[in-house]
Amino acid sequence: GSEFGNHLGKSDIGAYFSKFGIDVDGSDKLFALLDEDGSGYLDESEFIFGCLRLKGEAKSLDLAILHRDVKFITEEIMTLRTSLC
């Protein structure tokens, strides 16, 4: 994640993301959203499809964060429910 943030700090890369409406200010959150499998590394498909999914206004990034959080909470509730039954 930190290497990703270092790259986003470069003006040309930050400008590229900005051109597509992807806010790079929260690089850790952005990395977590792109890293679909939670491996701590981005493969080509995670990066490409993740960027396409987040393309647009900051609202897209906010919604993606919300979606991830809701998915996590749902999984936790299902795990808790299973262990209680």
PDB file of N, CA and C in Angstrom:
ATOM      1  N   GLY A   1       0.798  -1.198   0.000  1.00  0.00           N
ATOM      2  CA  GLY A   1       0.000   0.000   0.000  1.00  0.00           C
ATOM      3  C   GLY A   1       0.837   1.258   0.000  1.00  0.00           C
ATOM      4  N   SER A   2       1.961   1.286   0.770  1.00  0.00           N
ATOM      5  CA  SER A   2       2.737   2.520   0.862  1.00  0.00           C
ATOM      6  C   SER A   2       3.469   2.815  -0.442  1.00  0.00           C
ATOM      7  N   GLU A   3       3.909   1.771  -1.140  1.00  0.00           N
ATOM      8  CA  GLU A   3       4.540   1.974  -2.449  1.00  0.00           C
ATOM      9  C   GLU A   3       3.527   2.586  -3.413  1.00  0.00           C
ATOM     10  N   PHE A   4       2.285   2.124  -3.330  1.00  0.00           N
ATOM     11  CA  PHE A   4       1.203   2.662  -4.146  1.00  0.00           C
ATOM     12  C   PHE A   4       1.034   4.156  -3.859  1.00  0.00           C
ATOM     13  N   GLY A   5       1.017   4.524  -2.583  1.00  0.00           N
ATOM     14  CA  GLY A   5       0.893   5.924  -2.191  1.00  0.00           C
ATOM     15  C   GLY A   5       2.045   6.767  -2.696  1.00  0.00           C
ATOM     16  N   ASN A   6       3.247   6.200  -2.672  1.00  0.00           N
ATOM     17  CA  ASN A   6       4.416   6.926  -3.183  1.00  0.00           C
ATOM     18  C   ASN A   6       4.268   7.223  -4.665  1.00  0.00           C
ATOM     19  N   HIS A   7       3.757   6.245  -5.419  1.00  0.00           N
ATOM     20  CA  HIS A   7       3.554   6.457  -6.853  1.00  0.00           C
ATOM     21  C   HIS A   7       2.475   7.502  -7.111  1.00  0.00           C
ATOM     22  N   LEU A   8       1.415   7.474  -6.311  1.00  0.00           N
ATOM     23  CA  LEU A   8       0.342   8.456  -6.496  1.00  0.00           C
ATOM     24  C   LEU A   8       0.806   9.867  -6.184  1.00  0.00           C
ATOM     25  N   GLY A   9       1.843   9.972  -5.346  1.00  0.00           N
ATOM     26  CA  GLY A   9       2.383  11.283  -5.014  1.00  0.00           C
ATOM     27  C   GLY A   9       3.144  11.940  -6.157  1.00  0.00           C
ATOM     28  N   LYS A  10       3.509  11.159  -7.154  1.00  0.00           N
ATOM     29  CA  LYS A  10       4.193  11.717  -8.321  1.00  0.00           C
ATOM     30  C   LYS A  10       3.179  12.521  -9.130  1.00  0.00           C
ATOM     31  N   SER A  11       3.580  13.701  -9.547  1.00  0.00           N
ATOM     32  CA  SER A  11       2.637  14.622 -10.189  1.00  0.00           C
ATOM     33  C   SER A  11       2.002  14.051 -11.452  1.00  0.00           C
ATOM     34  N   ASP A  12       2.778  13.335 -12.275  1.00  0.00           N
ATOM     35  CA  ASP A  12       2.212  12.821 -13.522  1.00  0.00           C
ATOM     36  C   ASP A  12       1.200  11.703 -13.266  1.00  0.00           C
ATOM     37  N   ILE A  13       1.456  10.867 -12.277  1.00  0.00           N
ATOM     38  CA  ILE A  13       0.528   9.773 -11.976  1.00  0.00           C
ATOM     39  C   ILE A  13      -0.716  10.325 -11.295  1.00  0.00           C
ATOM     40  N   GLY A  14      -0.528  11.244 -10.361  1.00  0.00           N
ATOM     41  CA  GLY A  14      -1.675  11.888  -9.715  1.00  0.00           C
ATOM     42  C   GLY A  14      -2.547  12.603 -10.728  1.00  0.00           C
ATOM     43  N   ALA A  15      -1.922  13.248 -11.702  1.00  0.00           N
ATOM     44  CA  ALA A  15      -2.669  13.954 -12.745  1.00  0.00           C
ATOM     45  C   ALA A  15      -3.460  12.977 -13.610  1.00  0.00           C
ATOM     46  N   TYR A  16      -2.878  11.817 -13.885  1.00  0.00           N
ATOM     47  CA  TYR A  16      -3.563  10.788 -14.681  1.00  0.00           C
ATOM     48  C   TYR A  16      -4.848  10.351 -13.986  1.00  0.00           C
ATOM     49  N   PHE A  17      -4.747  10.029 -12.689  1.00  0.00           N
ATOM     50  CA  PHE A  17      -5.931   9.627 -11.940  1.00  0.00           C
ATOM     51  C   PHE A  17      -6.940  10.755 -11.867  1.00  0.00           C
ATOM     52  N   SER A  18      -6.448  11.956 -11.653  1.00  0.00           N
ATOM     53  CA  SER A  18      -7.316  13.122 -11.559  1.00  0.00           C
ATOM     54  C   SER A  18      -8.088  13.343 -12.859  1.00  0.00           C
ATOM     55  N   LYS A  19      -7.442  13.088 -13.978  1.00  0.00           N
ATOM     56  CA  LYS A  19      -8.081  13.249 -15.284  1.00  0.00           C
ATOM     57  C   LYS A  19      -9.327  12.360 -15.395  1.00  0.00           C
ATOM     58  N   PHE A  20      -9.278  11.199 -14.752  1.00  0.00           N
ATOM     59  CA  PHE A  20     -10.402  10.269 -14.801  1.00  0.00           C
ATOM     60  C   PHE A  20     -11.346  10.437 -13.619  1.00  0.00           C
ATOM     61  N   GLY A  21     -11.119  11.487 -12.823  1.00  0.00           N
ATOM     62  CA  GLY A  21     -12.024  11.779 -11.723  1.00  0.00           C
ATOM     63  C   GLY A  21     -11.843  10.879 -10.521  1.00  0.00           C
ATOM     64  N   ILE A  22     -10.644  10.285 -10.370  1.00  0.00           N
ATOM     65  CA  ILE A  22     -10.382   9.425  -9.222  1.00  0.00           C
ATOM     66  C   ILE A  22      -9.565  10.217  -8.215  1.00  0.00           C
ATOM     67  N   ASP A  23     -10.137  10.415  -7.035  1.00  0.00           N
ATOM     68  CA  ASP A  23      -9.477  11.166  -5.968  1.00  0.00           C
ATOM     69  C   ASP A  23      -8.403  10.292  -5.343  1.00  0.00           C
ATOM     70  N   VAL A  24      -7.171  10.766  -5.358  1.00  0.00           N
ATOM     71  CA  VAL A  24      -6.052   9.969  -4.835  1.00  0.00           C
ATOM     72  C   VAL A  24      -5.581  10.452  -3.477  1.00  0.00           C
ATOM     73  N   ASP A  25      -6.315  11.355  -2.853  1.00  0.00           N
ATOM     74  CA  ASP A  25      -5.890  11.880  -1.553  1.00  0.00           C
ATOM     75  C   ASP A  25      -5.842  10.793  -0.486  1.00  0.00           C
ATOM     76  N   GLY A  26      -6.780   9.882  -0.498  1.00  0.00           N
ATOM     77  CA  GLY A  26      -6.779   8.780   0.461  1.00  0.00           C
ATOM     78  C   GLY A  26      -6.186   7.536  -0.170  1.00  0.00           C
ATOM     79  N   SER A  27      -4.869   7.537  -0.403  1.00  0.00           N
ATOM     80  CA  SER A  27      -4.246   6.448  -1.159  1.00  0.00           C
ATOM     81  C   SER A  27      -4.402   5.093  -0.464  1.00  0.00           C
ATOM     82  N   ASP A  28      -4.397   5.077   0.876  1.00  0.00           N
ATOM     83  CA  ASP A  28      -4.570   3.797   1.582  1.00  0.00           C
ATOM     84  C   ASP A  28      -5.964   3.219   1.332  1.00  0.00           C
ATOM     85  N   LYS A  29      -6.963   4.090   1.380  1.00  0.00           N
ATOM     86  CA  LYS A  29      -8.340   3.638   1.126  1.00  0.00           C
ATOM     87  C   LYS A  29      -8.493   3.211  -0.330  1.00  0.00           C
ATOM     88  N   LEU A  30      -7.899   3.985  -1.228  1.00  0.00           N
ATOM     89  CA  LEU A  30      -7.965   3.646  -2.646  1.00  0.00           C
ATOM     90  C   LEU A  30      -7.313   2.297  -2.896  1.00  0.00           C
ATOM     91  N   PHE A  31      -6.150   2.076  -2.309  1.00  0.00           N
ATOM     92  CA  PHE A  31      -5.459   0.800  -2.478  1.00  0.00           C
ATOM     93  C   PHE A  31      -6.326  -0.344  -1.963  1.00  0.00           C
ATOM     94  N   ALA A  32      -6.923  -0.168  -0.787  1.00  0.00           N
ATOM     95  CA  ALA A  32      -7.769  -1.216  -0.201  1.00  0.00           C
ATOM     96  C   ALA A  32      -8.952  -1.536  -1.100  1.00  0.00           C
ATOM     97  N   LEU A  33      -9.485  -0.525  -1.759  1.00  0.00           N
ATOM     98  CA  LEU A  33     -10.616  -0.764  -2.668  1.00  0.00           C
ATOM     99  C   LEU A  33     -10.182  -1.480  -3.941  1.00  0.00           C
ATOM    100  N   LEU A  34      -8.999  -1.179  -4.409  1.00  0.00           N
ATOM    101  CA  LEU A  34      -8.514  -1.827  -5.621  1.00  0.00           C
ATOM    102  C   LEU A  34      -8.066  -3.260  -5.349  1.00  0.00           C
ATOM    103  N   ASP A  35      -7.572  -3.510  -4.145  1.00  0.00           N
ATOM    104  CA  ASP A  35      -7.062  -4.831  -3.763  1.00  0.00           C
ATOM    105  C   ASP A  35      -8.227  -5.739  -3.370  1.00  0.00           C
ATOM    106  N   GLU A  36      -8.960  -6.199  -4.362  1.00  0.00           N
ATOM    107  CA  GLU A  36     -10.183  -6.981  -4.152  1.00  0.00           C
ATOM    108  C   GLU A  36      -9.966  -8.249  -3.339  1.00  0.00           C
ATOM    109  N   ASP A  37      -8.849  -8.926  -3.524  1.00  0.00           N
ATOM    110  CA  ASP A  37      -8.639 -10.196  -2.828  1.00  0.00           C
ATOM    111  C   ASP A  37      -7.950 -10.030  -1.469  1.00  0.00           C
ATOM    112  N   GLY A  38      -7.623  -8.790  -1.112  1.00  0.00           N
ATOM    113  CA  GLY A  38      -7.024  -8.528   0.190  1.00  0.00           C
ATOM    114  C   GLY A  38      -5.611  -9.046   0.348  1.00  0.00           C
ATOM    115  N   SER A  39      -4.925  -9.284  -0.760  1.00  0.00           N
ATOM    116  CA  SER A  39      -3.584  -9.865  -0.720  1.00  0.00           C
ATOM    117  C   SER A  39      -2.501  -8.857  -0.328  1.00  0.00           C
ATOM    118  N   GLY A  40      -2.807  -7.580  -0.401  1.00  0.00           N
ATOM    119  CA  GLY A  40      -1.790  -6.561  -0.149  1.00  0.00           C
ATOM    120  C   GLY A  40      -1.014  -6.191  -1.394  1.00  0.00           C
ATOM    121  N   TYR A  41      -1.373  -6.811  -2.508  1.00  0.00           N
ATOM    122  CA  TYR A  41      -0.748  -6.537  -3.806  1.00  0.00           C
ATOM    123  C   TYR A  41      -1.844  -6.322  -4.841  1.00  0.00           C
ATOM    124  N   LEU A  42      -1.547  -5.504  -5.838  1.00  0.00           N
ATOM    125  CA  LEU A  42      -2.489  -5.296  -6.928  1.00  0.00           C
ATOM    126  C   LEU A  42      -1.999  -6.029  -8.161  1.00  0.00           C
ATOM    127  N   ASP A  43      -2.843  -6.908  -8.692  1.00  0.00           N
ATOM    128  CA  ASP A  43      -2.482  -7.491  -9.977  1.00  0.00           C
ATOM    129  C   ASP A  43      -3.093  -6.609 -11.068  1.00  0.00           C
ATOM    130  N   GLU A  44      -2.781  -6.915 -12.298  1.00  0.00           N
ATOM    131  CA  GLU A  44      -3.219  -6.069 -13.410  1.00  0.00           C
ATOM    132  C   GLU A  44      -4.727  -5.927 -13.472  1.00  0.00           C
ATOM    133  N   SER A  45      -5.450  -7.037 -13.322  1.00  0.00           N
ATOM    134  CA  SER A  45      -6.904  -6.964 -13.451  1.00  0.00           C
ATOM    135  C   SER A  45      -7.528  -6.191 -12.292  1.00  0.00           C
ATOM    136  N   GLU A  46      -7.019  -6.364 -11.072  1.00  0.00           N
ATOM    137  CA  GLU A  46      -7.541  -5.595  -9.938  1.00  0.00           C
ATOM    138  C   GLU A  46      -7.358  -4.102 -10.187  1.00  0.00           C
ATOM    139  N   PHE A  47      -6.179  -3.744 -10.679  1.00  0.00           N
ATOM    140  CA  PHE A  47      -5.898  -2.333 -10.920  1.00  0.00           C
ATOM    141  C   PHE A  47      -6.784  -1.766 -12.020  1.00  0.00           C
ATOM    142  N   ILE A  48      -6.838  -2.443 -13.149  1.00  0.00           N
ATOM    143  CA  ILE A  48      -7.596  -1.927 -14.302  1.00  0.00           C
ATOM    144  C   ILE A  48      -9.080  -1.871 -13.998  1.00  0.00           C
ATOM    145  N   PHE A  49      -9.650  -2.999 -13.555  1.00  0.00           N
ATOM    146  CA  PHE A  49     -11.090  -3.021 -13.315  1.00  0.00           C
ATOM    147  C   PHE A  49     -11.476  -2.159 -12.119  1.00  0.00           C
ATOM    148  N   GLY A  50     -10.597  -2.090 -11.127  1.00  0.00           N
ATOM    149  CA  GLY A  50     -10.861  -1.226  -9.982  1.00  0.00           C
ATOM    150  C   GLY A  50     -10.899   0.238 -10.379  1.00  0.00           C
ATOM    151  N   CYS A  51      -9.961   0.657 -11.200  1.00  0.00           N
ATOM    152  CA  CYS A  51      -9.949   2.052 -11.665  1.00  0.00           C
ATOM    153  C   CYS A  51     -11.175   2.362 -12.511  1.00  0.00           C
ATOM    154  N   LEU A  52     -11.566   1.425 -13.361  1.00  0.00           N
ATOM    155  CA  LEU A  52     -12.759   1.642 -14.175  1.00  0.00           C
ATOM    156  C   LEU A  52     -14.001   1.765 -13.301  1.00  0.00           C
ATOM    157  N   ARG A  53     -14.058   0.958 -12.249  1.00  0.00           N
ATOM    158  CA  ARG A  53     -15.203   0.984 -11.346  1.00  0.00           C
ATOM    159  C   ARG A  53     -15.264   2.300 -10.575  1.00  0.00           C
ATOM    160  N   LEU A  54     -14.104   2.867 -10.256  1.00  0.00           N
ATOM    161  CA  LEU A  54     -14.056   4.089  -9.457  1.00  0.00           C
ATOM    162  C   LEU A  54     -14.033   5.360 -10.282  1.00  0.00           C
ATOM    163  N   LYS A  55     -13.998   5.214 -11.579  1.00  0.00           N
ATOM    164  CA  LYS A  55     -13.939   6.372 -12.462  1.00  0.00           C
ATOM    165  C   LYS A  55     -15.144   7.268 -12.203  1.00  0.00           C
ATOM    166  N   GLY A  56     -14.906   8.539 -12.065  1.00  0.00           N
ATOM    167  CA  GLY A  56     -15.991   9.487 -11.852  1.00  0.00           C
ATOM    168  C   GLY A  56     -15.692  10.418 -10.698  1.00  0.00           C
ATOM    169  N   GLU A  57     -16.717  11.027 -10.199  1.00  0.00           N
ATOM    170  CA  GLU A  57     -16.581  11.992  -9.115  1.00  0.00           C
ATOM    171  C   GLU A  57     -16.194  11.295  -7.817  1.00  0.00           C
ATOM    172  N   ALA A  58     -15.828  12.086  -6.834  1.00  0.00           N
ATOM    173  CA  ALA A  58     -15.465  11.545  -5.526  1.00  0.00           C
ATOM    174  C   ALA A  58     -16.600  10.706  -4.943  1.00  0.00           C
ATOM    175  N   LYS A  59     -17.822  10.972  -5.371  1.00  0.00           N
ATOM    176  CA  LYS A  59     -18.961  10.197  -4.894  1.00  0.00           C
ATOM    177  C   LYS A  59     -18.772   8.716  -5.200  1.00  0.00           C
ATOM    178  N   SER A  60     -18.166   8.401  -6.331  1.00  0.00           N
ATOM    179  CA  SER A  60     -17.929   7.004  -6.692  1.00  0.00           C
ATOM    180  C   SER A  60     -17.008   6.339  -5.685  1.00  0.00           C
ATOM    181  N   LEU A  61     -15.969   7.029  -5.274  1.00  0.00           N
ATOM    182  CA  LEU A  61     -15.045   6.495  -4.285  1.00  0.00           C
ATOM    183  C   LEU A  61     -15.759   6.305  -2.954  1.00  0.00           C
ATOM    184  N   ASP A  62     -16.543   7.288  -2.557  1.00  0.00           N
ATOM    185  CA  ASP A  62     -17.278   7.189  -1.303  1.00  0.00           C
ATOM    186  C   ASP A  62     -18.244   6.011  -1.320  1.00  0.00           C
ATOM    187  N   LEU A  63     -18.929   5.823  -2.428  1.00  0.00           N
ATOM    188  CA  LEU A  63     -19.863   4.701  -2.535  1.00  0.00           C
ATOM    189  C   LEU A  63     -19.137   3.362  -2.519  1.00  0.00           C
ATOM    190  N   ALA A  64     -17.984   3.308  -3.138  1.00  0.00           N
ATOM    191  CA  ALA A  64     -17.207   2.068  -3.138  1.00  0.00           C
ATOM    192  C   ALA A  64     -16.738   1.726  -1.720  1.00  0.00           C
ATOM    193  N   ILE A  65     -16.320   2.736  -0.960  1.00  0.00           N
ATOM    194  CA  ILE A  65     -15.920   2.519   0.430  1.00  0.00           C
ATOM    195  C   ILE A  65     -17.112   2.023   1.235  1.00  0.00           C
ATOM    196  N   LEU A  66     -18.242   2.653   1.037  1.00  0.00           N
ATOM    197  CA  LEU A  66     -19.455   2.247   1.735  1.00  0.00           C
ATOM    198  C   LEU A  66     -19.842   0.816   1.380  1.00  0.00           C
ATOM    199  N   HIS A  67     -19.766   0.486   0.102  1.00  0.00           N
ATOM    200  CA  HIS A  67     -20.105  -0.865  -0.353  1.00  0.00           C
ATOM    201  C   HIS A  67     -19.200  -1.898   0.310  1.00  0.00           C
ATOM    202  N   ARG A  68     -17.908  -1.622   0.345  1.00  0.00           N
ATOM    203  CA  ARG A  68     -16.961  -2.532   0.979  1.00  0.00           C
ATOM    204  C   ARG A  68     -17.277  -2.712   2.455  1.00  0.00           C
ATOM    205  N   ASP A  69     -17.574  -1.610   3.141  1.00  0.00           N
ATOM    206  CA  ASP A  69     -17.872  -1.677   4.569  1.00  0.00           C
ATOM    207  C   ASP A  69     -19.149  -2.458   4.842  1.00  0.00           C
ATOM    208  N   VAL A  70     -20.170  -2.250   4.030  1.00  0.00           N
ATOM    209  CA  VAL A  70     -21.427  -2.983   4.197  1.00  0.00           C
ATOM    210  C   VAL A  70     -21.203  -4.472   3.943  1.00  0.00           C
ATOM    211  N   LYS A  71     -20.415  -4.794   2.947  1.00  0.00           N
ATOM    212  CA  LYS A  71     -20.105  -6.194   2.653  1.00  0.00           C
ATOM    213  C   LYS A  71     -19.396  -6.836   3.842  1.00  0.00           C
ATOM    214  N   PHE A  72     -18.435  -6.137   4.418  1.00  0.00           N
ATOM    215  CA  PHE A  72     -17.709  -6.647   5.580  1.00  0.00           C
ATOM    216  C   PHE A  72     -18.657  -6.862   6.756  1.00  0.00           C
ATOM    217  N   ILE A  73     -19.504  -5.892   7.034  1.00  0.00           N
ATOM    218  CA  ILE A  73     -20.444  -6.004   8.151  1.00  0.00           C
ATOM    219  C   ILE A  73     -21.414  -7.157   7.928  1.00  0.00           C
ATOM    220  N   THR A  74     -21.902  -7.316   6.723  1.00  0.00           N
ATOM    221  CA  THR A  74     -22.816  -8.415   6.399  1.00  0.00           C
ATOM    222  C   THR A  74     -22.145  -9.756   6.636  1.00  0.00           C
ATOM    223  N   GLU A  75     -20.906  -9.893   6.196  1.00  0.00           N
ATOM    224  CA  GLU A  75     -20.168 -11.142   6.405  1.00  0.00           C
ATOM    225  C   GLU A  75     -19.963 -11.418   7.893  1.00  0.00           C
ATOM    226  N   GLU A  76     -19.666 -10.383   8.659  1.00  0.00           N
ATOM    227  CA  GLU A  76     -19.482 -10.545  10.101  1.00  0.00           C
ATOM    228  C   GLU A  76     -20.783 -10.969  10.781  1.00  0.00           C
ATOM    229  N   ILE A  77     -21.884 -10.383  10.371  1.00  0.00           N
ATOM    230  CA  ILE A  77     -23.184 -10.751  10.942  1.00  0.00           C
ATOM    231  C   ILE A  77     -23.520 -12.196  10.610  1.00  0.00           C
ATOM    232  N   MET A  78     -23.260 -12.602   9.374  1.00  0.00           N
ATOM    233  CA  MET A  78     -23.546 -13.983   8.984  1.00  0.00           C
ATOM    234  C   MET A  78     -22.670 -14.966   9.769  1.00  0.00           C
ATOM    235  N   THR A  79     -21.427 -14.616   9.993  1.00  0.00           N
ATOM    236  CA  THR A  79     -20.524 -15.465  10.785  1.00  0.00           C
ATOM    237  C   THR A  79     -21.030 -15.569  12.221  1.00  0.00           C
ATOM    238  N   LEU A  80     -21.417 -14.445  12.794  1.00  0.00           N
ATOM    239  CA  LEU A  80     -21.946 -14.426  14.150  1.00  0.00           C
ATOM    240  C   LEU A  80     -23.230 -15.236  14.244  1.00  0.00           C
ATOM    241  N   ARG A  81     -24.090 -15.062  13.268  1.00  0.00           N
ATOM    242  CA  ARG A  81     -25.356 -15.781  13.240  1.00  0.00           C
ATOM    243  C   ARG A  81     -25.124 -17.299  13.187  1.00  0.00           C
ATOM    244  N   THR A  82     -24.181 -17.702  12.350  1.00  0.00           N
ATOM    245  CA  THR A  82     -23.860 -19.134  12.204  1.00  0.00           C
ATOM    246  C   THR A  82     -23.314 -19.703  13.520  1.00  0.00           C
ATOM    247  N   SER A  83     -22.468 -18.917  14.174  1.00  0.00           N
ATOM    248  CA  SER A  83     -21.874 -19.429  15.422  1.00  0.00           C
ATOM    249  C   SER A  83     -22.883 -19.460  16.567  1.00  0.00           C
ATOM    250  N   LEU A  84     -23.931 -18.665  16.505  1.00  0.00           N
ATOM    251  CA  LEU A  84     -24.957 -18.656  17.551  1.00  0.00           C
ATOM    252  C   LEU A  84     -26.006 -19.756  17.364  1.00  0.00           C
ATOM    253  N   CYS A  85     -26.158 -20.219  16.169  1.00  0.00           N
ATOM    254  CA  CYS A  85     -27.198 -21.225  15.886  1.00  0.00           C
ATOM    255  C   CYS A  85     -26.730 -22.642  16.107  1.00  0.00           C
TER     256      CYS A  85
END
